[in-house]
Amino acid sequence: MGLRTGEQMAIIPSDIDWENNILNIRRSITLDENGKKTIGETKNKYSRRAIKLLPVMLDALKEQKEIYDKL
């Protein structure tokens, strides 16, 4: 899908439009000056985007959501 690692790690279920099969990329996880993980905006304004999900991608995200909901 062309996502940066930090963008992938920052995805949460509310980023997904389940009805329209769209993944909204709005944030990223990066390391601060002390090496601690921090959640912030994407690398630049063009990195904030909506990605149309293929059925196989949607299925994988649904499986991940089931795991996330158990936490």
Protein backbone atom coordinates (compact mmCIF):
# COMPACT_ATOMS: atom_id res chain seq x y z
CA MET A 1 0.00 0.00 0.00
CA GLY A 2 3.00 2.30 0.14
CA LEU A 3 2.79 3.02 3.87
CA ARG A 4 5.80 3.99 5.93
CA THR A 5 6.49 1.72 8.90
CA GLY A 6 5.48 4.44 11.39
CA GLU A 7 2.21 4.99 9.54
CA GLN A 8 1.43 1.28 9.65
CA MET A 9 2.14 1.10 13.37
CA ALA A 10 -0.10 4.09 14.10
CA ILE A 11 -3.25 2.71 12.43
CA ILE A 12 -6.21 2.30 14.78
CA PRO A 13 -9.66 0.89 13.95
CA SER A 14 -11.26 4.34 13.73
CA ASP A 15 -8.92 5.11 10.80
CA ILE A 16 -10.86 2.60 8.73
CA ASP A 17 -14.11 3.43 6.97
CA TRP A 18 -15.53 -0.10 7.06
CA GLU A 19 -18.56 0.74 4.91
CA ASN A 20 -16.59 2.33 2.06
CA ASN A 21 -13.44 0.17 2.42
CA ILE A 22 -11.12 3.14 2.90
CA LEU A 23 -8.07 3.43 5.14
CA ASN A 24 -7.33 6.99 6.28
CA ILE A 25 -3.68 7.71 7.06
CA ARG A 26 -3.55 10.58 9.56
CA ARG A 27 -0.70 9.89 12.01
CA SER A 28 2.63 8.19 12.43
CA ILE A 29 4.74 6.75 15.21
CA THR A 30 8.28 8.14 15.38
CA LEU A 31 11.11 8.29 17.88
CA ASP A 32 11.77 11.49 19.81
CA GLU A 33 15.24 12.84 20.61
CA ASN A 34 15.47 10.43 23.58
CA GLY A 35 14.53 7.39 21.50
CA LYS A 36 11.02 7.13 22.96
CA LYS A 37 8.10 6.32 20.67
CA THR A 38 5.72 9.19 20.05
CA ILE A 39 2.55 9.50 17.98
CA GLY A 40 2.33 12.55 15.79
CA GLU A 41 1.37 13.79 12.37
CA THR A 42 2.55 12.16 9.17
CA LYS A 43 5.82 13.19 7.54
CA ASN A 44 4.14 15.97 5.54
CA LYS A 45 0.67 17.12 4.50
CA TYR A 46 0.78 15.00 1.34
CA SER A 47 1.28 11.90 3.48
CA ARG A 48 -2.21 12.33 4.95
CA ARG A 49 -4.29 10.33 2.51
CA ALA A 50 -7.15 7.90 1.97
CA ILE A 51 -6.43 4.47 0.50
CA LYS A 52 -9.09 2.30 -1.13
CA LEU A 53 -8.79 -1.17 0.39
CA LEU A 54 -8.86 -4.32 -1.68
CA PRO A 55 -10.97 -7.19 -0.26
CA VAL A 56 -7.88 -9.14 0.86
CA MET A 57 -6.54 -6.07 2.69
CA LEU A 58 -9.89 -5.44 4.33
CA ASP A 59 -10.04 -9.06 5.53
CA ALA A 60 -6.57 -8.76 7.07
CA LEU A 61 -7.55 -5.55 8.87
CA LYS A 62 -10.73 -7.16 10.20
CA GLU A 63 -8.62 -9.97 11.67
CA GLN A 64 -6.30 -7.41 13.28
CA LYS A 65 -9.30 -5.52 14.69
CA GLU A 66 -10.48 -8.69 16.42
CA ILE A 67 -7.08 -8.93 18.13
CA TYR A 68 -7.10 -5.19 18.97
CA ASP A 69 -10.57 -5.45 20.51
CA LYS A 70 -9.37 -8.19 22.89
CA LEU A 71 -6.61 -5.96 24.34
